[in-house]
Amino acid sequence: MVDINPSHLLNPDWDPHARVHEAWRLSTNLFIFLLAIFLLWSKGQEILASFLSLCIHLGFVISALLMPFYGGEPIGEGIPEPEIINIPLNILVFFFLFFLQSFVLFLLLKERINPKG
């Protein structure tokens, strides 16, 4: 929901078609999230829920890594963004979440394959 603001979805400088794609991305991510939450409450569906959640973060990681190829920027022009070691905080947070979720998924898969060890 953080992207429903004048720097993203409501940005008057964005092409109207680009805003359609942003609304599409936001609603798709919301429905994937809701499905993953439902699956977490369903017995034995933790791994599928983890994969769905990981897809959202993997999409961000791929888009961040490919920014040089499509002229993307990690933050909007004129928008202040805290940085740590010259890396925008939003990039660090999403990469951290991606690696954390990947590690948890690894542990879930390991437990499923080898329940005692």
PDB file of N, CA and C in Angstrom:
ATOM      1  N   MET A   1       0.812  -1.197   0.000  1.00  0.00           N
ATOM      2  CA  MET A   1       0.000   0.000   0.000  1.00  0.00           C
ATOM      3  C   MET A   1       0.859   1.268   0.000  1.00  0.00           C
ATOM      4  N   VAL A   2       2.142   1.083   0.262  1.00  0.00           N
ATOM      5  CA  VAL A   2       3.033   2.235   0.328  1.00  0.00           C
ATOM      6  C   VAL A   2       3.148   2.926  -1.032  1.00  0.00           C
ATOM      7  N   ASP A   3       2.848   2.241  -2.123  1.00  0.00           N
ATOM      8  CA  ASP A   3       2.983   2.825  -3.455  1.00  0.00           C
ATOM      9  C   ASP A   3       1.724   3.537  -3.944  1.00  0.00           C
ATOM     10  N   ILE A   4       0.687   3.605  -3.111  1.00  0.00           N
ATOM     11  CA  ILE A   4      -0.511   4.357  -3.489  1.00  0.00           C
ATOM     12  C   ILE A   4      -0.332   5.772  -2.958  1.00  0.00           C
ATOM     13  N   ASN A   5       0.463   6.537  -3.673  1.00  0.00           N
ATOM     14  CA  ASN A   5       0.790   7.908  -3.270  1.00  0.00           C
ATOM     15  C   ASN A   5       1.236   8.680  -4.507  1.00  0.00           C
ATOM     16  N   PRO A   6       1.464   9.985  -4.361  1.00  0.00           N
ATOM     17  CA  PRO A   6       1.841  10.805  -5.523  1.00  0.00           C
ATOM     18  C   PRO A   6       3.189  10.460  -6.158  1.00  0.00           C
ATOM     19  N   SER A   7       4.011   9.652  -5.498  1.00  0.00           N
ATOM     20  CA  SER A   7       5.286   9.291  -6.129  1.00  0.00           C
ATOM     21  C   SER A   7       5.157   8.052  -7.010  1.00  0.00           C
ATOM     22  N   HIS A   8       4.047   7.341  -6.912  1.00  0.00           N
ATOM     23  CA  HIS A   8       3.879   6.124  -7.705  1.00  0.00           C
ATOM     24  C   HIS A   8       2.529   6.135  -8.431  1.00  0.00           C
ATOM     25  N   LEU A   9       1.552   5.417  -7.904  1.00  0.00           N
ATOM     26  CA  LEU A   9       0.282   5.228  -8.596  1.00  0.00           C
ATOM     27  C   LEU A   9      -0.423   6.548  -8.928  1.00  0.00           C
ATOM     28  N   LEU A  10      -0.359   7.502  -8.035  1.00  0.00           N
ATOM     29  CA  LEU A  10      -1.068   8.770  -8.225  1.00  0.00           C
ATOM     30  C   LEU A  10      -0.168   9.861  -8.801  1.00  0.00           C
ATOM     31  N   ASN A  11       0.977   9.489  -9.332  1.00  0.00           N
ATOM     32  CA  ASN A  11       1.932  10.457  -9.868  1.00  0.00           C
ATOM     33  C   ASN A  11       1.387  11.069 -11.159  1.00  0.00           C
ATOM     34  N   PRO A  12       1.125  12.388 -11.153  1.00  0.00           N
ATOM     35  CA  PRO A  12       0.567  13.016 -12.349  1.00  0.00           C
ATOM     36  C   PRO A  12       1.546  13.038 -13.527  1.00  0.00           C
ATOM     37  N   ASP A  13       2.832  12.849 -13.265  1.00  0.00           N
ATOM     38  CA  ASP A  13       3.825  12.841 -14.345  1.00  0.00           C
ATOM     39  C   ASP A  13       3.910  11.497 -15.061  1.00  0.00           C
ATOM     40  N   TRP A  14       3.338  10.463 -14.466  1.00  0.00           N
ATOM     41  CA  TRP A  14       3.380   9.148 -15.101  1.00  0.00           C
ATOM     42  C   TRP A  14       2.370   9.098 -16.241  1.00  0.00           C
ATOM     43  N   ASP A  15       2.736   8.409 -17.279  1.00  0.00           N
ATOM     44  CA  ASP A  15       1.820   8.136 -18.368  1.00  0.00           C
ATOM     45  C   ASP A  15       0.628   7.355 -17.796  1.00  0.00           C
ATOM     46  N   PRO A  16      -0.605   7.665 -18.222  1.00  0.00           N
ATOM     47  CA  PRO A  16      -1.758   6.932 -17.686  1.00  0.00           C
ATOM     48  C   PRO A  16      -1.643   5.413 -17.849  1.00  0.00           C
ATOM     49  N   HIS A  17      -1.037   4.970 -18.937  1.00  0.00           N
ATOM     50  CA  HIS A  17      -0.882   3.527 -19.133  1.00  0.00           C
ATOM     51  C   HIS A  17       0.099   2.940 -18.118  1.00  0.00           C
ATOM     52  N   ALA A  18       1.133   3.697 -17.760  1.00  0.00           N
ATOM     53  CA  ALA A  18       2.083   3.231 -16.735  1.00  0.00           C
ATOM     54  C   ALA A  18       1.364   3.081 -15.392  1.00  0.00           C
ATOM     55  N   ARG A  19       0.417   3.986 -15.115  1.00  0.00           N
ATOM     56  CA  ARG A  19      -0.346   3.884 -13.861  1.00  0.00           C
ATOM     57  C   ARG A  19      -1.237   2.642 -13.854  1.00  0.00           C
ATOM     58  N   VAL A  20      -1.762   2.263 -15.028  1.00  0.00           N
ATOM     59  CA  VAL A  20      -2.545   1.023 -15.117  1.00  0.00           C
ATOM     60  C   VAL A  20      -1.662  -0.165 -14.734  1.00  0.00           C
ATOM     61  N   HIS A  21      -0.439  -0.183 -15.235  1.00  0.00           N
ATOM     62  CA  HIS A  21       0.477  -1.280 -14.899  1.00  0.00           C
ATOM     63  C   HIS A  21       0.815  -1.287 -13.410  1.00  0.00           C
ATOM     64  N   GLU A  22       0.958  -0.112 -12.818  1.00  0.00           N
ATOM     65  CA  GLU A  22       1.243  -0.045 -11.375  1.00  0.00           C
ATOM     66  C   GLU A  22       0.047  -0.556 -10.573  1.00  0.00           C
ATOM     67  N   ALA A  23      -1.167  -0.163 -10.959  1.00  0.00           N
ATOM     68  CA  ALA A  23      -2.364  -0.660 -10.270  1.00  0.00           C
ATOM     69  C   ALA A  23      -2.477  -2.174 -10.432  1.00  0.00           C
ATOM     70  N   TRP A  24      -2.142  -2.671 -11.599  1.00  0.00           N
ATOM     71  CA  TRP A  24      -2.152  -4.107 -11.872  1.00  0.00           C
ATOM     72  C   TRP A  24      -1.166  -4.814 -10.963  1.00  0.00           C
ATOM     73  N   ARG A  25       0.059  -4.291 -10.862  1.00  0.00           N
ATOM     74  CA  ARG A  25       1.081  -4.901 -10.007  1.00  0.00           C
ATOM     75  C   ARG A  25       0.640  -4.903  -8.550  1.00  0.00           C
ATOM     76  N   LEU A  26       0.120  -3.773  -8.095  1.00  0.00           N
ATOM     77  CA  LEU A  26      -0.300  -3.678  -6.695  1.00  0.00           C
ATOM     78  C   LEU A  26      -1.432  -4.655  -6.391  1.00  0.00           C
ATOM     79  N   SER A  27      -2.423  -4.728  -7.265  1.00  0.00           N
ATOM     80  CA  SER A  27      -3.547  -5.635  -6.996  1.00  0.00           C
ATOM     81  C   SER A  27      -3.112  -7.096  -7.111  1.00  0.00           C
ATOM     82  N   THR A  28      -2.242  -7.416  -8.058  1.00  0.00           N
ATOM     83  CA  THR A  28      -1.729  -8.785  -8.173  1.00  0.00           C
ATOM     84  C   THR A  28      -0.972  -9.176  -6.916  1.00  0.00           C
ATOM     85  N   ASN A  29      -0.087  -8.294  -6.456  1.00  0.00           N
ATOM     86  CA  ASN A  29       0.665  -8.576  -5.228  1.00  0.00           C
ATOM     87  C   ASN A  29      -0.271  -8.754  -4.037  1.00  0.00           C
ATOM     88  N   LEU A  30      -1.325  -7.940  -3.958  1.00  0.00           N
ATOM     89  CA  LEU A  30      -2.281  -8.057  -2.859  1.00  0.00           C
ATOM     90  C   LEU A  30      -2.961  -9.427  -2.881  1.00  0.00           C
ATOM     91  N   PHE A  31      -3.403  -9.870  -4.058  1.00  0.00           N
ATOM     92  CA  PHE A  31      -4.092 -11.157  -4.130  1.00  0.00           C
ATOM     93  C   PHE A  31      -3.151 -12.331  -3.880  1.00  0.00           C
ATOM     94  N   ILE A  32      -1.908 -12.232  -4.333  1.00  0.00           N
ATOM     95  CA  ILE A  32      -0.922 -13.277  -4.015  1.00  0.00           C
ATOM     96  C   ILE A  32      -0.700 -13.323  -2.509  1.00  0.00           C
ATOM     97  N   PHE A  33      -0.583 -12.145  -1.890  1.00  0.00           N
ATOM     98  CA  PHE A  33      -0.399 -12.064  -0.437  1.00  0.00           C
ATOM     99  C   PHE A  33      -1.584 -12.694   0.293  1.00  0.00           C
ATOM    100  N   LEU A  34      -2.809 -12.346  -0.114  1.00  0.00           N
ATOM    101  CA  LEU A  34      -4.000 -12.889   0.554  1.00  0.00           C
ATOM    102  C   LEU A  34      -4.079 -14.407   0.392  1.00  0.00           C
ATOM    103  N   LEU A  35      -3.748 -14.904  -0.789  1.00  0.00           N
ATOM    104  CA  LEU A  35      -3.737 -16.350  -0.999  1.00  0.00           C
ATOM    105  C   LEU A  35      -2.679 -17.007  -0.118  1.00  0.00           C
ATOM    106  N   ALA A  36      -1.502 -16.402  -0.024  1.00  0.00           N
ATOM    107  CA  ALA A  36      -0.436 -16.963   0.822  1.00  0.00           C
ATOM    108  C   ALA A  36      -0.860 -16.982   2.288  1.00  0.00           C
ATOM    109  N   ILE A  37      -1.526 -15.933   2.751  1.00  0.00           N
ATOM    110  CA  ILE A  37      -2.009 -15.899   4.143  1.00  0.00           C
ATOM    111  C   ILE A  37      -3.023 -17.020   4.362  1.00  0.00           C
ATOM    112  N   PHE A  38      -3.947 -17.197   3.421  1.00  0.00           N
ATOM    113  CA  PHE A  38      -4.917 -18.287   3.522  1.00  0.00           C
ATOM    114  C   PHE A  38      -4.203 -19.638   3.589  1.00  0.00           C
ATOM    115  N   LEU A  39      -3.207 -19.827   2.737  1.00  0.00           N
ATOM    116  CA  LEU A  39      -2.479 -21.097   2.707  1.00  0.00           C
ATOM    117  C   LEU A  39      -1.715 -21.347   3.998  1.00  0.00           C
ATOM    118  N   LEU A  40      -1.224 -20.277   4.625  1.00  0.00           N
ATOM    119  CA  LEU A  40      -0.520 -20.451   5.900  1.00  0.00           C
ATOM    120  C   LEU A  40      -1.433 -21.051   6.960  1.00  0.00           C
ATOM    121  N   TRP A  41      -2.722 -20.768   6.862  1.00  0.00           N
ATOM    122  CA  TRP A  41      -3.681 -21.296   7.831  1.00  0.00           C
ATOM    123  C   TRP A  41      -4.230 -22.653   7.407  1.00  0.00           C
ATOM    124  N   SER A  42      -3.820 -23.127   6.227  1.00  0.00           N
ATOM    125  CA  SER A  42      -4.246 -24.439   5.741  1.00  0.00           C
ATOM    126  C   SER A  42      -3.153 -25.452   6.045  1.00  0.00           C
ATOM    127  N   LYS A  43      -3.535 -26.539   6.635  1.00  0.00           N
ATOM    128  CA  LYS A  43      -2.551 -27.552   7.052  1.00  0.00           C
ATOM    129  C   LYS A  43      -1.712 -28.049   5.874  1.00  0.00           C
ATOM    130  N   GLY A  44      -0.396 -28.021   6.060  1.00  0.00           N
ATOM    131  CA  GLY A  44       0.524 -28.565   5.076  1.00  0.00           C
ATOM    132  C   GLY A  44       0.786 -27.700   3.855  1.00  0.00           C
ATOM    133  N   GLN A  45       0.366 -26.447   3.881  1.00  0.00           N
ATOM    134  CA  GLN A  45       0.531 -25.578   2.710  1.00  0.00           C
ATOM    135  C   GLN A  45       1.593 -24.491   2.910  1.00  0.00           C
ATOM    136  N   GLU A  46       2.432 -24.641   3.934  1.00  0.00           N
ATOM    137  CA  GLU A  46       3.415 -23.606   4.254  1.00  0.00           C
ATOM    138  C   GLU A  46       4.409 -23.380   3.117  1.00  0.00           C
ATOM    139  N   ILE A  47       4.826 -24.448   2.458  1.00  0.00           N
ATOM    140  CA  ILE A  47       5.828 -24.312   1.396  1.00  0.00           C
ATOM    141  C   ILE A  47       5.243 -23.568   0.194  1.00  0.00           C
ATOM    142  N   LEU A  48       4.021 -23.898  -0.193  1.00  0.00           N
ATOM    143  CA  LEU A  48       3.387 -23.173  -1.295  1.00  0.00           C
ATOM    144  C   LEU A  48       3.218 -21.702  -0.932  1.00  0.00           C
ATOM    145  N   ALA A  49       2.790 -21.424   0.292  1.00  0.00           N
ATOM    146  CA  ALA A  49       2.654 -20.039   0.744  1.00  0.00           C
ATOM    147  C   ALA A  49       3.999 -19.326   0.687  1.00  0.00           C
ATOM    148  N   SER A  50       5.053 -20.020   1.075  1.00  0.00           N
ATOM    149  CA  SER A  50       6.394 -19.428   1.040  1.00  0.00           C
ATOM    150  C   SER A  50       6.823 -19.107  -0.383  1.00  0.00           C
ATOM    151  N   PHE A  51       6.565 -20.027  -1.312  1.00  0.00           N
ATOM    152  CA  PHE A  51       6.923 -19.781  -2.710  1.00  0.00           C
ATOM    153  C   PHE A  51       6.153 -18.587  -3.279  1.00  0.00           C
ATOM    154  N   LEU A  52       4.867 -18.492  -2.967  1.00  0.00           N
ATOM    155  CA  LEU A  52       4.077 -17.367  -3.463  1.00  0.00           C
ATOM    156  C   LEU A  52       4.615 -16.045  -2.937  1.00  0.00           C
ATOM    157  N   SER A  53       4.890 -15.997  -1.651  1.00  0.00           N
ATOM    158  CA  SER A  53       5.432 -14.778  -1.054  1.00  0.00           C
ATOM    159  C   SER A  53       6.794 -14.445  -1.646  1.00  0.00           C
ATOM    160  N   LEU A  54       7.604 -15.457  -1.839  1.00  0.00           N
ATOM    161  CA  LEU A  54       8.936 -15.258  -2.406  1.00  0.00           C
ATOM    162  C   LEU A  54       8.854 -14.711  -3.831  1.00  0.00           C
ATOM    163  N   CYS A  55       7.833 -15.090  -4.575  1.00  0.00           N
ATOM    164  CA  CYS A  55       7.668 -14.580  -5.942  1.00  0.00           C
ATOM    165  C   CYS A  55       7.568 -13.058  -5.966  1.00  0.00           C
ATOM    166  N   ILE A  56       6.870 -12.485  -5.003  1.00  0.00           N
ATOM    167  CA  ILE A  56       6.733 -11.032  -4.952  1.00  0.00           C
ATOM    168  C   ILE A  56       8.095 -10.388  -4.756  1.00  0.00           C
ATOM    169  N   HIS A  57       8.866 -10.901  -3.804  1.00  0.00           N
ATOM    170  CA  HIS A  57      10.180 -10.311  -3.544  1.00  0.00           C
ATOM    171  C   HIS A  57      11.168 -10.613  -4.665  1.00  0.00           C
ATOM    172  N   LEU A  58      11.074 -11.788  -5.266  1.00  0.00           N
ATOM    173  CA  LEU A  58      11.960 -12.114  -6.382  1.00  0.00           C
ATOM    174  C   LEU A  58      11.699 -11.175  -7.561  1.00  0.00           C
ATOM    175  N   GLY A  59      10.448 -10.849  -7.793  1.00  0.00           N
ATOM    176  CA  GLY A  59      10.125  -9.884  -8.844  1.00  0.00           C
ATOM    177  C   GLY A  59      10.791  -8.543  -8.604  1.00  0.00           C
ATOM    178  N   PHE A  60      10.808  -8.098  -7.347  1.00  0.00           N
ATOM    179  CA  PHE A  60      11.478  -6.839  -7.018  1.00  0.00           C
ATOM    180  C   PHE A  60      12.979  -6.964  -7.237  1.00  0.00           C
ATOM    181  N   VAL A  61      13.564  -8.062  -6.773  1.00  0.00           N
ATOM    182  CA  VAL A  61      15.013  -8.267  -6.912  1.00  0.00           C
ATOM    183  C   VAL A  61      15.403  -8.241  -8.393  1.00  0.00           C
ATOM    184  N   ILE A  62      14.654  -8.934  -9.226  1.00  0.00           N
ATOM    185  CA  ILE A  62      14.960  -8.958 -10.660  1.00  0.00           C
ATOM    186  C   ILE A  62      14.838  -7.567 -11.256  1.00  0.00           C
ATOM    187  N   SER A  63      13.761  -6.853 -10.904  1.00  0.00           N
ATOM    188  CA  SER A  63      13.594  -5.505 -11.457  1.00  0.00           C
ATOM    189  C   SER A  63      14.704  -4.570 -10.985  1.00  0.00           C
ATOM    190  N   ALA A  64      15.162  -4.729  -9.751  1.00  0.00           N
ATOM    191  CA  ALA A  64      16.252  -3.890  -9.242  1.00  0.00           C
ATOM    192  C   ALA A  64      17.566  -4.213  -9.948  1.00  0.00           C
ATOM    193  N   LEU A  65      17.836  -5.489 -10.146  1.00  0.00           N
ATOM    194  CA  LEU A  65      19.080  -5.880 -10.812  1.00  0.00           C
ATOM    195  C   LEU A  65      19.106  -5.455 -12.282  1.00  0.00           C
ATOM    196  N   LEU A  66      17.950  -5.395 -12.913  1.00  0.00           N
ATOM    197  CA  LEU A  66      17.876  -5.052 -14.333  1.00  0.00           C
ATOM    198  C   LEU A  66      17.697  -3.557 -14.599  1.00  0.00           C
ATOM    199  N   MET A  67      17.682  -2.731 -13.549  1.00  0.00           N
ATOM    200  CA  MET A  67      17.491  -1.286 -13.748  1.00  0.00           C
ATOM    201  C   MET A  67      18.432  -0.686 -14.788  1.00  0.00           C
ATOM    202  N   PRO A  68      19.716  -1.056 -14.812  1.00  0.00           N
ATOM    203  CA  PRO A  68      20.606  -0.464 -15.823  1.00  0.00           C
ATOM    204  C   PRO A  68      20.178  -0.765 -17.267  1.00  0.00           C
ATOM    205  N   PHE A  69      19.475  -1.864 -17.475  1.00  0.00           N
ATOM    206  CA  PHE A  69      19.080  -2.248 -18.826  1.00  0.00           C
ATOM    207  C   PHE A  69      17.830  -1.530 -19.319  1.00  0.00           C
ATOM    208  N   TYR A  70      16.951  -1.116 -18.408  1.00  0.00           N
ATOM    209  CA  TYR A  70      15.726  -0.438 -18.845  1.00  0.00           C
ATOM    210  C   TYR A  70      15.636   1.008 -18.366  1.00  0.00           C
ATOM    211  N   GLY A  71      16.724   1.517 -17.771  1.00  0.00           N
ATOM    212  CA  GLY A  71      16.754   2.913 -17.345  1.00  0.00           C
ATOM    213  C   GLY A  71      15.971   3.183 -16.081  1.00  0.00           C
ATOM    214  N   GLY A  72      15.824   2.185 -15.237  1.00  0.00           N
ATOM    215  CA  GLY A  72      15.086   2.354 -13.988  1.00  0.00           C
ATOM    216  C   GLY A  72      15.920   3.038 -12.915  1.00  0.00           C
ATOM    217  N   GLU A  73      15.239   3.577 -11.944  1.00  0.00           N
ATOM    218  CA  GLU A  73      15.872   4.210 -10.786  1.00  0.00           C
ATOM    219  C   GLU A  73      15.231   3.643  -9.522  1.00  0.00           C
ATOM    220  N   PRO A  74      16.006   3.465  -8.454  1.00  0.00           N
ATOM    221  CA  PRO A  74      15.448   2.887  -7.233  1.00  0.00           C
ATOM    222  C   PRO A  74      14.483   3.810  -6.495  1.00  0.00           C
ATOM    223  N   ILE A  75      14.582   5.108  -6.743  1.00  0.00           N
ATOM    224  CA  ILE A  75      13.679   6.073  -6.105  1.00  0.00           C
ATOM    225  C   ILE A  75      13.300   7.128  -7.130  1.00  0.00           C
ATOM    226  N   GLY A  76      12.176   7.774  -6.886  1.00  0.00           N
ATOM    227  CA  GLY A  76      11.727   8.814  -7.795  1.00  0.00           C
ATOM    228  C   GLY A  76      12.566  10.077  -7.672  1.00  0.00           C
ATOM    229  N   GLU A  77      12.609  10.829  -8.751  1.00  0.00           N
ATOM    230  CA  GLU A  77      13.386  12.062  -8.783  1.00  0.00           C
ATOM    231  C   GLU A  77      12.861  13.055  -7.749  1.00  0.00           C
ATOM    232  N   GLY A  78      13.778  13.593  -6.956  1.00  0.00           N
ATOM    233  CA  GLY A  78      13.422  14.578  -5.945  1.00  0.00           C
ATOM    234  C   GLY A  78      12.814  14.000  -4.683  1.00  0.00           C
ATOM    235  N   ILE A  79      12.766  12.689  -4.573  1.00  0.00           N
ATOM    236  CA  ILE A  79      12.191  12.049  -3.390  1.00  0.00           C
ATOM    237  C   ILE A  79      13.339  11.619  -2.486  1.00  0.00           C
ATOM    238  N   PRO A  80      13.371  12.141  -1.265  1.00  0.00           N
ATOM    239  CA  PRO A  80      14.470  11.752  -0.368  1.00  0.00           C
ATOM    240  C   PRO A  80      14.337  10.290   0.061  1.00  0.00           C
ATOM    241  N   GLU A  81      15.443   9.589   0.042  1.00  0.00           N
ATOM    242  CA  GLU A  81      15.454   8.179   0.442  1.00  0.00           C
ATOM    243  C   GLU A  81      16.703   7.937   1.263  1.00  0.00           C
ATOM    244  N   PRO A  82      16.541   7.436   2.479  1.00  0.00           N
ATOM    245  CA  PRO A  82      17.727   7.120   3.285  1.00  0.00           C
ATOM    246  C   PRO A  82      18.578   6.061   2.585  1.00  0.00           C
ATOM    247  N   GLU A  83      19.876   6.169   2.773  1.00  0.00           N
ATOM    248  CA  GLU A  83      20.799   5.199   2.186  1.00  0.00           C
ATOM    249  C   GLU A  83      21.714   4.637   3.253  1.00  0.00           C
ATOM    250  N   ILE A  84      22.139   3.407   3.046  1.00  0.00           N
ATOM    251  CA  ILE A  84      23.150   2.766   3.879  1.00  0.00           C
ATOM    252  C   ILE A  84      24.210   2.263   2.909  1.00  0.00           C
ATOM    253  N   ILE A  85      25.442   2.636   3.138  1.00  0.00           N
ATOM    254  CA  ILE A  85      26.578   2.346   2.246  1.00  0.00           C
ATOM    255  C   ILE A  85      26.229   2.632   0.777  1.00  0.00           C
ATOM    256  N   ASN A  86      25.632   3.800   0.556  1.00  0.00           N
ATOM    257  CA  ASN A  86      25.250   4.281  -0.779  1.00  0.00           C
ATOM    258  C   ASN A  86      24.230   3.397  -1.494  1.00  0.00           C
ATOM    259  N   ILE A  87      23.479   2.615  -0.742  1.00  0.00           N
ATOM    260  CA  ILE A  87      22.412   1.788  -1.314  1.00  0.00           C
ATOM    261  C   ILE A  87      21.093   2.273  -0.716  1.00  0.00           C
ATOM    262  N   PRO A  88      20.103   2.629  -1.568  1.00  0.00           N
ATOM    263  CA  PRO A  88      18.815   3.079  -1.040  1.00  0.00           C
ATOM    264  C   PRO A  88      18.211   2.049  -0.085  1.00  0.00           C
ATOM    265  N   LEU A  89      17.614   2.559   0.975  1.00  0.00           N
ATOM    266  CA  LEU A  89      17.059   1.695   2.017  1.00  0.00           C
ATOM    267  C   LEU A  89      16.018   0.722   1.467  1.00  0.00           C
ATOM    268  N   ASN A  90      15.188   1.181   0.517  1.00  0.00           N
ATOM    269  CA  ASN A  90      14.164   0.268  -0.016  1.00  0.00           C
ATOM    270  C   ASN A  90      14.794  -0.939  -0.713  1.00  0.00           C
ATOM    271  N   ILE A  91      15.914  -0.734  -1.389  1.00  0.00           N
ATOM    272  CA  ILE A  91      16.614  -1.856  -2.034  1.00  0.00           C
ATOM    273  C   ILE A  91      17.135  -2.815  -0.971  1.00  0.00           C
ATOM    274  N   LEU A  92      17.766  -2.273   0.067  1.00  0.00           N
ATOM    275  CA  LEU A  92      18.305  -3.122   1.133  1.00  0.00           C
ATOM    276  C   LEU A  92      17.209  -3.917   1.831  1.00  0.00           C
ATOM    277  N   VAL A  93      16.090  -3.266   2.131  1.00  0.00           N
ATOM    278  CA  VAL A  93      14.996  -3.937   2.840  1.00  0.00           C
ATOM    279  C   VAL A  93      14.438  -5.087   2.004  1.00  0.00           C
ATOM    280  N   PHE A  94      14.161  -4.838   0.725  1.00  0.00           N
ATOM    281  CA  PHE A  94      13.588  -5.899  -0.103  1.00  0.00           C
ATOM    282  C   PHE A  94      14.575  -7.027  -0.359  1.00  0.00           C
ATOM    283  N   PHE A  95      15.862  -6.703  -0.539  1.00  0.00           N
ATOM    284  CA  PHE A  95      16.852  -7.769  -0.714  1.00  0.00           C
ATOM    285  C   PHE A  95      16.973  -8.582   0.573  1.00  0.00           C
ATOM    286  N   PHE A  96      16.962  -7.903   1.725  1.00  0.00           N
ATOM    287  CA  PHE A  96      17.017  -8.615   3.004  1.00  0.00           C
ATOM    288  C   PHE A  96      15.815  -9.542   3.151  1.00  0.00           C
ATOM    289  N   LEU A  97      14.610  -9.031   2.855  1.00  0.00           N
ATOM    290  CA  LEU A  97      13.406  -9.862   2.950  1.00  0.00           C
ATOM    291  C   LEU A  97      13.474 -11.048   1.989  1.00  0.00           C
ATOM    292  N   PHE A  98      14.001 -10.816   0.794  1.00  0.00           N
ATOM    293  CA  PHE A  98      14.150 -11.907  -0.168  1.00  0.00           C
ATOM    294  C   PHE A  98      15.077 -12.987   0.383  1.00  0.00           C
ATOM    295  N   PHE A  99      16.226 -12.586   0.907  1.00  0.00           N
ATOM    296  CA  PHE A  99      17.170 -13.580   1.434  1.00  0.00           C
ATOM    297  C   PHE A  99      16.620 -14.263   2.686  1.00  0.00           C
ATOM    298  N   LEU A 100      15.932 -13.515   3.538  1.00  0.00           N
ATOM    299  CA  LEU A 100      15.329 -14.108   4.729  1.00  0.00           C
ATOM    300  C   LEU A 100      14.275 -15.139   4.337  1.00  0.00           C
ATOM    301  N   GLN A 101      13.394 -14.764   3.416  1.00  0.00           N
ATOM    302  CA  GLN A 101      12.362 -15.711   2.980  1.00  0.00           C
ATOM    303  C   GLN A 101      12.972 -16.917   2.276  1.00  0.00           C
ATOM    304  N   SER A 102      14.022 -16.698   1.501  1.00  0.00           N
ATOM    305  CA  SER A 102      14.699 -17.820   0.837  1.00  0.00           C
ATOM    306  C   SER A 102      15.277 -18.783   1.864  1.00  0.00           C
ATOM    307  N   PHE A 103      15.867 -18.241   2.911  1.00  0.00           N
ATOM    308  CA  PHE A 103      16.453 -19.074   3.960  1.00  0.00           C
ATOM    309  C   PHE A 103      15.372 -19.868   4.694  1.00  0.00           C
ATOM    310  N   VAL A 104      14.274 -19.211   5.024  1.00  0.00           N
ATOM    311  CA  VAL A 104      13.175 -19.903   5.706  1.00  0.00           C
ATOM    312  C   VAL A 104      12.599 -20.998   4.803  1.00  0.00           C
ATOM    313  N   LEU A 105      12.440 -20.702   3.528  1.00  0.00           N
ATOM    314  CA  LEU A 105      11.953 -21.719   2.596  1.00  0.00           C
ATOM    315  C   LEU A 105      12.930 -22.892   2.525  1.00  0.00           C
ATOM    316  N   PHE A 106      14.221 -22.604   2.501  1.00  0.00           N
ATOM    317  CA  PHE A 106      15.235 -23.661   2.518  1.00  0.00           C
ATOM    318  C   PHE A 106      15.060 -24.542   3.752  1.00  0.00           C
ATOM    319  N   LEU A 107      14.860 -23.913   4.918  1.00  0.00           N
ATOM    320  CA  LEU A 107      14.677 -24.685   6.152  1.00  0.00           C
ATOM    321  C   LEU A 107      13.408 -25.530   6.100  1.00  0.00           C
ATOM    322  N   LEU A 108      12.321 -24.966   5.558  1.00  0.00           N
ATOM    323  CA  LEU A 108      11.079 -25.733   5.426  1.00  0.00           C
ATOM    324  C   LEU A 108      11.267 -26.938   4.508  1.00  0.00           C
ATOM    325  N   LEU A 109      11.941 -26.715   3.388  1.00  0.00           N
ATOM    326  CA  LEU A 109      12.179 -27.823   2.455  1.00  0.00           C
ATOM    327  C   LEU A 109      13.096 -28.870   3.066  1.00  0.00           C
ATOM    328  N   LYS A 110      14.117 -28.421   3.772  1.00  0.00           N
ATOM    329  CA  LYS A 110      15.045 -29.348   4.426  1.00  0.00           C
ATOM    330  C   LYS A 110      14.303 -30.198   5.455  1.00  0.00           C
ATOM    331  N   GLU A 111      13.435 -29.568   6.230  1.00  0.00           N
ATOM    332  CA  GLU A 111      12.657 -30.286   7.248  1.00  0.00           C
ATOM    333  C   GLU A 111      11.705 -31.285   6.587  1.00  0.00           C
ATOM    334  N   ARG A 112      11.123 -30.890   5.483  1.00  0.00           N
ATOM    335  CA  ARG A 112      10.193 -31.786   4.788  1.00  0.00           C
ATOM    336  C   ARG A 112      10.927 -32.998   4.221  1.00  0.00           C
ATOM    337  N   ILE A 113      12.135 -32.780   3.691  1.00  0.00           N
ATOM    338  CA  ILE A 113      12.920 -33.875   3.105  1.00  0.00           C
ATOM    339  C   ILE A 113      13.516 -34.771   4.178  1.00  0.00           C
ATOM    340  N   ASN A 114      14.010 -34.162   5.253  1.00  0.00           N
ATOM    341  CA  ASN A 114      14.696 -34.911   6.308  1.00  0.00           C
ATOM    342  C   ASN A 114      14.131 -34.476   7.663  1.00  0.00           C
ATOM    343  N   PRO A 115      12.963 -34.986   8.068  1.00  0.00           N
ATOM    344  CA  PRO A 115      12.282 -34.512   9.279  1.00  0.00           C
ATOM    345  C   PRO A 115      13.076 -34.639  10.574  1.00  0.00           C
ATOM    346  N   LYS A 116      13.998 -35.549  10.665  1.00  0.00           N
ATOM    347  CA  LYS A 116      14.720 -35.760  11.929  1.00  0.00           C
ATOM    348  C   LYS A 116      16.103 -35.110  11.949  1.00  0.00           C
ATOM    349  N   GLY A 117      16.580 -34.562  10.868  1.00  0.00           N
ATOM    350  CA  GLY A 117      17.951 -34.093  10.888  1.00  0.00           C
ATOM    351  C   GLY A 117      18.126 -32.839  10.178  1.00  0.00           C
TER     352      GLY A 117
END
